[in-house]
Amino acid sequence: MAEADPMTTPREALLDYTALPTFTPDAAVLEEHKIVSLDSRDIRSRPFNLMRTKFTKQLYAHNLRMVGITSPAPTAGKSCLSLNLAGAIARLNDTPVLLVDLDLRRGSIAQDLGLEVQRGIGDFLEGKVGSIRDIAIRTEEFPLAILPTMPVSGDSSSLLASENYAELMRQLRAEAEKSIVLVDLPPVFANDDTMLTMEQLDAYLMVVHSGKTTERQLRDSMEMLRPAPCIGTVLNRYKGGLADSYGYTSSKTYSRYYD
C-alpha cells in the first residue's frame, strides 16, 4: 500500500475562531493605511464588495481554498488590497477568512492594522512556536483572523525550504477546509520566495500598478509562477478622470478575471 503524503493527508483544523484573542482596529490607523472594507457604510468599500463577489465565485467554481496575492514589483499596493479583500469577504460572516502575511522581509499587514506583534510567522518558521493558533489574532466584529509576520533576519528562502515551512503549509491546508486562506506574498521579482510558496497554494491574484507595471513585467511574472493558475488581475492606483464615479480615494480599483 502506498504511503500517504503528509502534505495532502487531511488534518483537523487548529483554529477555533471564537477562542482566538481579538482586537478592534483603530479607525484612524485604518484610514491612514486606506483599509476601508471593514466599514460597509464607507462608499470606498464598494469596489472591494464587487471584487469579493467575483473572487468568491471563482473560488467555489474551481474549489480553490488557498490563494496568494502578489505583484510583479513593490509599491503596487498588494498588502492594502489583501486586507481590503479579506475584510470584504469576512464581513459577510458566512465563511471565516485567514489572512497570512508571508512577505517575510517586508511584511506590513500588522502595521496596516495597528497591531503590536509579539510573535509571528517568522517565529513559527524558526521553530519558536509549533502551532498557528499561537500567533493568530482575530478582528472582534468579523471572522477575520490574521497570521502576522515581522521582518526576518537572514535568508528567508532557507526558511521556506525547511520542515517548519512544510508544517506551516499542512496546518494552513487543514484550516482551508473551513476557511478561505489568503496569503499576502512578496513581489515576484523581489526574491524567489513567491515562487517557492506558490508550489503549495491553489492559485494567485496578480496586482498591477497602473502606469508603472509594464506588460513585460506582468508576462514574465506569470511565466515565473507557472504552472500555478492566475485567477485574476487587479489594476490598482488607476487615476480616473472626472467622469469616474467609482473611486477608491483618488484611485479606481477594478478586477479582470481569467477563465
Protein backbone atom coordinates (compact mmCIF):
# COMPACT_ATOMS: atom_id res chain seq x y z
CA MET A 1 0.00 0.00 0.00
CA ALA A 2 1.34 3.44 -0.94
CA GLU A 3 2.32 5.65 1.97
CA ALA A 4 0.09 8.71 2.46
CA ASP A 5 1.55 12.07 1.52
CA PRO A 6 1.71 14.15 4.73
CA MET A 7 1.24 17.35 2.73
CA THR A 8 -2.13 16.22 1.36
CA THR A 9 -3.47 13.96 4.11
CA PRO A 10 -6.48 15.72 5.73
CA ARG A 11 -5.83 17.05 9.21
CA GLU A 12 -8.08 18.58 11.82
CA ALA A 13 -8.17 22.38 11.77
CA LEU A 14 -6.41 24.04 14.69
CA LEU A 15 -8.15 27.41 14.88
CA ASP A 16 -11.27 27.94 16.93
CA TYR A 17 -12.18 31.44 15.79
CA THR A 18 -14.36 32.03 18.84
CA ALA A 19 -11.42 31.31 21.16
CA LEU A 20 -8.77 33.43 19.44
CA PRO A 21 -7.57 36.66 21.04
CA THR A 22 -9.33 39.59 19.40
CA PHE A 23 -8.52 43.17 18.54
CA THR A 24 -10.55 46.19 17.46
CA PRO A 25 -8.83 48.10 14.65
CA ASP A 26 -8.32 51.78 15.33
CA ALA A 27 -10.31 53.85 12.86
CA ALA A 28 -7.52 56.41 12.46
CA VAL A 29 -4.98 53.68 11.66
CA LEU A 30 -7.32 52.09 9.11
CA GLU A 31 -7.86 55.48 7.47
CA GLU A 32 -4.13 56.17 7.33
CA HIS A 33 -3.48 52.87 5.57
CA LYS A 34 -6.62 53.02 3.38
CA ILE A 35 -8.25 49.93 4.89
CA VAL A 36 -11.89 50.67 4.11
CA SER A 37 -13.65 47.34 3.56
CA LEU A 38 -14.44 46.68 7.22
CA ASP A 39 -16.98 49.52 7.19
CA SER A 40 -19.93 48.79 4.92
CA ARG A 41 -21.06 52.42 5.20
CA ASP A 42 -17.83 53.68 3.62
CA ILE A 43 -18.51 54.28 -0.07
CA ARG A 44 -14.86 53.39 -0.80
CA SER A 45 -15.60 49.79 0.20
CA ARG A 46 -17.86 49.26 -2.83
CA PRO A 47 -15.12 48.26 -5.31
CA PHE A 48 -13.96 45.60 -2.85
CA ASN A 49 -17.51 44.30 -2.46
CA LEU A 50 -17.68 43.86 -6.23
CA MET A 51 -14.27 42.22 -6.23
CA ARG A 52 -15.39 39.95 -3.37
CA THR A 53 -18.31 38.62 -5.39
CA LYS A 54 -16.24 37.83 -8.48
CA PHE A 55 -13.40 36.43 -6.43
CA THR A 56 -15.51 34.07 -4.30
CA LYS A 57 -17.37 32.81 -7.36
CA GLN A 58 -14.02 31.78 -8.80
CA LEU A 59 -13.06 30.04 -5.57
CA TYR A 60 -16.24 28.00 -5.32
CA ALA A 61 -16.39 27.21 -9.05
CA HIS A 62 -12.87 25.76 -9.08
CA ASN A 63 -12.68 24.51 -5.48
CA LEU A 64 -9.86 26.88 -4.56
CA ARG A 65 -9.15 27.40 -0.85
CA MET A 66 -5.63 28.85 -0.59
CA VAL A 67 -4.90 31.85 -2.81
CA GLY A 68 -1.78 34.00 -2.92
CA ILE A 69 -1.82 37.73 -3.67
CA THR A 70 1.28 39.19 -5.29
CA SER A 71 2.55 41.79 -7.76
CA PRO A 72 5.44 41.92 -10.21
CA ALA A 73 7.28 44.67 -8.28
CA PRO A 74 6.97 46.59 -4.99
CA THR A 75 4.63 49.56 -4.34
CA ALA A 76 1.70 48.10 -6.26
CA GLY A 77 -0.48 48.10 -3.13
CA LYS A 78 -0.88 44.32 -2.83
CA SER A 79 -0.95 44.26 1.01
CA CYS A 80 -3.55 47.00 1.14
CA LEU A 81 -5.63 45.09 -1.39
CA SER A 82 -5.13 41.81 0.51
CA LEU A 83 -6.50 43.37 3.69
CA ASN A 84 -9.42 45.05 1.95
CA LEU A 85 -10.40 41.91 0.08
CA ALA A 86 -10.12 39.77 3.22
CA GLY A 87 -12.21 42.27 5.16
CA ALA A 88 -14.89 42.42 2.48
CA ILE A 89 -15.22 38.62 2.43
CA ALA A 90 -15.22 38.28 6.23
CA ARG A 91 -17.88 40.98 6.58
CA LEU A 92 -20.40 38.56 5.05
CA ASN A 93 -19.92 36.39 8.17
CA ASP A 94 -20.66 33.13 6.34
CA THR A 95 -17.09 31.86 5.82
CA PRO A 96 -14.10 32.62 8.08
CA VAL A 97 -11.11 34.24 6.39
CA LEU A 98 -7.49 33.62 7.38
CA LEU A 99 -5.06 36.25 6.06
CA VAL A 100 -1.43 35.09 6.20
CA ASP A 101 1.43 37.57 5.86
CA LEU A 102 4.20 35.64 4.11
CA ASP A 103 6.11 38.68 2.93
CA LEU A 104 8.86 37.68 5.34
CA ARG A 105 11.24 40.53 4.60
CA ARG A 106 8.81 43.43 4.37
CA GLY A 107 5.53 42.26 5.88
CA SER A 108 3.13 45.12 6.61
CA ILE A 109 -0.24 43.57 7.48
CA ALA A 110 0.22 44.06 11.24
CA GLN A 111 1.36 47.65 10.76
CA ASP A 112 -1.59 48.43 8.49
CA LEU A 113 -3.94 47.23 11.23
CA GLY A 114 -2.05 48.92 14.04
CA LEU A 115 -1.15 45.61 15.70
CA GLU A 116 1.77 45.31 18.11
CA VAL A 117 3.05 41.85 17.22
CA GLN A 118 4.94 39.77 19.77
CA ARG A 119 5.13 36.59 17.68
CA GLY A 120 4.64 35.95 14.01
CA ILE A 121 5.19 33.65 11.05
CA GLY A 122 8.95 34.05 11.38
CA ASP A 123 8.79 32.57 14.89
CA PHE A 124 6.92 29.55 13.51
CA LEU A 125 9.45 29.05 10.71
CA GLU A 126 12.32 29.35 13.18
CA GLY A 127 10.74 26.68 15.41
CA LYS A 128 9.91 29.01 18.32
CA VAL A 129 6.19 28.15 18.14
CA GLY A 130 4.61 24.98 16.79
CA SER A 131 1.01 25.93 16.09
CA ILE A 132 -0.58 28.74 14.11
CA ARG A 133 -3.05 29.24 16.96
CA ASP A 134 -0.12 30.60 18.99
CA ILE A 135 0.23 33.57 16.63
CA ALA A 136 -3.29 34.05 15.23
CA ILE A 137 -5.41 37.04 16.21
CA ARG A 138 -8.97 37.83 15.10
CA THR A 139 -10.90 41.03 14.49
CA GLU A 140 -13.53 41.41 17.17
CA GLU A 141 -16.51 42.02 14.89
CA PHE A 142 -15.90 39.68 11.95
CA PRO A 143 -14.47 36.16 11.39
CA LEU A 144 -11.20 37.52 10.02
CA ALA A 145 -8.05 36.02 11.54
CA ILE A 146 -4.55 37.33 10.89
CA LEU A 147 -1.26 35.44 10.92
CA PRO A 148 1.16 38.39 11.10
CA THR A 149 4.86 38.49 10.47
CA MET A 150 7.79 40.63 11.49
CA PRO A 151 10.76 41.09 9.15
CA VAL A 152 13.04 38.07 9.50
CA SER A 153 16.81 38.28 9.56
CA GLY A 154 18.89 36.10 7.32
CA ASP A 155 17.85 34.14 4.26
CA SER A 156 14.06 33.88 4.03
CA SER A 157 14.33 31.35 1.20
CA SER A 158 16.04 28.85 3.50
CA LEU A 159 13.14 29.18 5.95
CA LEU A 160 10.72 28.35 3.12
CA ALA A 161 12.70 25.21 2.35
CA SER A 162 12.56 23.94 5.93
CA GLU A 163 10.40 21.29 7.58
CA ASN A 164 8.84 24.05 9.68
CA TYR A 165 7.53 25.63 6.48
CA ALA A 166 6.13 22.27 5.38
CA GLU A 167 4.36 22.01 8.74
CA LEU A 168 3.01 25.55 8.32
CA MET A 169 1.53 24.58 4.97
CA ARG A 170 0.00 21.43 6.45
CA GLN A 171 -1.69 23.47 9.15
CA LEU A 172 -2.91 26.10 6.68
CA ARG A 173 -4.29 23.39 4.39
CA ALA A 174 -6.21 21.97 7.32
CA GLU A 175 -7.66 25.42 8.04
CA ALA A 176 -8.62 25.76 4.39
CA GLU A 177 -11.19 23.02 4.90
CA LYS A 178 -13.37 25.52 6.76
CA SER A 179 -11.84 28.92 5.91
CA ILE A 180 -10.76 30.93 2.90
CA VAL A 181 -6.98 31.31 3.22
CA LEU A 182 -5.46 34.39 1.59
CA VAL A 183 -1.67 34.67 1.55
CA ASP A 184 0.00 38.05 1.10
CA LEU A 185 3.18 37.22 -0.83
CA PRO A 186 6.30 39.24 -1.71
CA PRO A 187 6.53 40.81 -5.17
CA VAL A 188 7.56 38.20 -7.72
CA PHE A 189 10.80 39.97 -8.69
CA ALA A 190 11.84 40.72 -5.10
CA ASN A 191 13.26 37.22 -4.50
CA ASP A 192 12.29 33.61 -5.08
CA ASP A 193 10.02 33.42 -2.00
CA THR A 194 6.82 33.76 -4.01
CA MET A 195 7.80 31.00 -6.45
CA LEU A 196 8.60 28.70 -3.53
CA THR A 197 5.34 29.45 -1.75
CA MET A 198 3.14 29.11 -4.82
CA GLU A 199 4.04 25.42 -5.03
CA GLN A 200 1.72 24.87 -2.04
CA LEU A 201 -1.11 27.26 -2.96
CA ASP A 202 -4.09 26.70 -5.26
CA ALA A 203 -3.88 29.88 -7.35
CA TYR A 204 -2.88 33.53 -7.19
CA LEU A 205 -4.25 37.01 -7.79
CA MET A 206 -1.91 39.46 -9.52
CA VAL A 207 -1.92 43.16 -8.55
CA VAL A 208 -0.80 45.51 -11.32
CA HIS A 209 0.38 49.05 -10.57
CA SER A 210 -1.31 51.31 -13.09
CA GLY A 211 1.17 53.31 -15.14
CA LYS A 212 4.22 51.55 -13.64
CA THR A 213 3.89 47.80 -14.15
CA THR A 214 4.96 47.04 -17.71
CA GLU A 215 3.46 44.41 -19.97
CA ARG A 216 6.76 42.56 -19.94
CA GLN A 217 6.90 42.55 -16.12
CA LEU A 218 3.39 41.14 -15.97
CA ARG A 219 4.07 38.49 -18.61
CA ASP A 220 7.39 37.45 -17.06
CA SER A 221 5.87 37.30 -13.56
CA MET A 222 3.10 34.98 -14.68
CA GLU A 223 5.60 32.83 -16.55
CA MET A 224 7.75 32.52 -13.42
CA LEU A 225 4.75 31.35 -11.38
CA ARG A 226 3.65 28.65 -13.81
CA PRO A 227 2.00 26.16 -13.52
CA ALA A 228 0.06 27.89 -10.74
CA PRO A 229 -3.16 29.35 -12.19
CA CYS A 230 -3.79 33.08 -12.12
CA ILE A 231 -7.46 33.62 -11.27
CA GLY A 232 -7.37 37.34 -11.95
CA THR A 233 -5.55 40.62 -12.18
CA VAL A 234 -6.33 43.84 -10.34
CA LEU A 235 -5.38 47.19 -11.84
CA ASN A 236 -4.55 49.29 -8.81
CA ARG A 237 -3.90 53.00 -8.35
CA TYR A 238 -5.57 53.94 -11.60
CA LYS A 239 -6.22 57.68 -11.64
CA GLY A 240 -9.51 58.15 -13.42
CA GLY A 241 -10.95 61.25 -15.00
CA LEU A 242 -13.80 63.44 -13.82
CA ALA A 243 -16.35 61.02 -15.23
CA ASP A 244 -15.24 58.23 -12.91
CA SER A 245 -17.90 57.75 -10.26
CA TYR A 246 -16.41 54.66 -8.63
CA GLY A 247 -13.37 55.79 -6.72
CA TYR A 248 -11.14 54.37 -4.05
CA THR A 249 -9.82 57.59 -2.54
CA SER A 250 -8.17 59.14 -5.62
CA SER A 251 -7.87 55.82 -7.40
CA LYS A 252 -10.11 53.44 -9.23
CA THR A 253 -9.65 49.78 -8.44
CA TYR A 254 -11.16 47.07 -10.55
CA SER A 255 -10.53 43.48 -11.41
CA ARG A 256 -10.42 41.35 -14.56
CA TYR A 257 -10.69 37.61 -14.18
CA TYR A 258 -9.37 34.94 -16.48
CA ASP A 259 -11.29 31.79 -17.36
